[in-house]
Amino acid sequence: MGMNLGRHLESFKGRVPSLLVGAIAEFYLETIKPVFQEYALPQGRLQGRGRTVNPAAIHPTALLT
C-alpha cells in the first residue's frame, strides 16, 4: 500500500459512497413497515438499538415537504 498510496486512496474513495448507499437502502427498507405502515413512532412503540425512540428528543430537525 505504501508504494501505491495514490492508487489505494482513489480506490478507497470510490468504495465508500457505494457502501453508504447500501447501508442507507437497508436502513430505509427496515423502517418502512414500522414507521409508515404500523405508525410505531407516533404511538411510542418504535424501537432503535433495543430502546424505545423518544420523538421529543429528536431535535433540531428540518422538514422537507
Protein backbone atom coordinates (compact mmCIF):
# COMPACT_ATOMS: atom_id res chain seq x y z
CA MET A 1 0.00 0.00 0.00
CA GLY A 2 2.84 2.37 0.77
CA MET A 3 4.25 2.04 -2.74
CA ASN A 4 0.93 2.85 -4.47
CA LEU A 5 -0.68 5.12 -1.92
CA GLY A 6 -2.37 7.34 -4.50
CA ARG A 7 -3.98 4.40 -6.26
CA HIS A 8 -5.19 2.91 -2.98
CA LEU A 9 -6.66 6.22 -1.83
CA GLU A 10 -8.54 6.64 -5.12
CA SER A 11 -9.87 3.09 -4.86
CA PHE A 12 -10.98 3.65 -1.27
CA LYS A 13 -12.62 6.97 -2.14
CA GLY A 14 -14.67 5.25 -4.82
CA ARG A 15 -15.71 2.45 -2.47
CA VAL A 16 -17.04 4.48 0.47
CA PRO A 17 -20.08 6.02 -1.30
CA SER A 18 -21.18 2.60 -2.56
CA LEU A 19 -21.03 1.22 0.98
CA LEU A 20 -23.07 4.13 2.30
CA VAL A 21 -25.72 3.71 -0.39
CA GLY A 22 -26.17 0.07 0.60
CA ALA A 23 -26.42 0.97 4.29
CA ILE A 24 -28.92 3.72 3.60
CA ALA A 25 -31.06 1.45 1.42
CA GLU A 26 -31.04 -1.29 4.06
CA PHE A 27 -32.00 1.20 6.79
CA TYR A 28 -34.79 2.60 4.63
CA LEU A 29 -36.26 -0.82 3.92
CA GLU A 30 -36.11 -1.79 7.60
CA THR A 31 -38.02 1.33 8.65
CA ILE A 32 -40.83 1.33 6.05
CA LYS A 33 -43.12 -1.10 7.87
CA PRO A 34 -42.81 0.14 11.47
CA VAL A 35 -42.78 3.85 10.64
CA PHE A 36 -45.11 4.20 7.68
CA GLN A 37 -47.38 1.16 7.91
CA GLU A 38 -47.66 0.49 11.64
CA TYR A 39 -47.27 4.12 12.85
CA ALA A 40 -44.95 2.91 15.62
CA LEU A 41 -43.19 6.27 16.10
CA PRO A 42 -46.22 8.42 16.99
CA GLN A 43 -47.64 5.56 19.09
CA GLY A 44 -44.43 5.37 21.15
CA ARG A 45 -43.63 1.80 20.06
CA LEU A 46 -40.67 2.37 17.68
CA GLN A 47 -37.52 0.60 18.84
CA GLY A 48 -33.97 1.51 17.91
CA ARG A 49 -30.95 -0.39 19.20
CA GLY A 50 -33.13 -2.09 21.77
CA ARG A 51 -34.56 1.15 23.18
CA THR A 52 -37.85 2.93 22.60
CA VAL A 53 -37.42 6.03 20.45
CA ASN A 54 -38.47 9.27 22.14
CA PRO A 55 -39.69 11.66 19.41
CA ALA A 56 -39.34 14.65 21.75
CA ALA A 57 -35.59 14.01 21.94
CA ILE A 58 -35.16 14.29 18.16
CA HIS A 59 -34.07 17.89 17.59
CA PRO A 60 -33.21 20.09 15.76
CA THR A 61 -34.82 18.72 12.66
CA ALA A 62 -35.73 20.08 9.26
CA LEU A 63 -38.99 19.39 7.49
CA LEU A 64 -38.77 18.54 3.82
CA THR A 65 -42.12 18.85 2.11
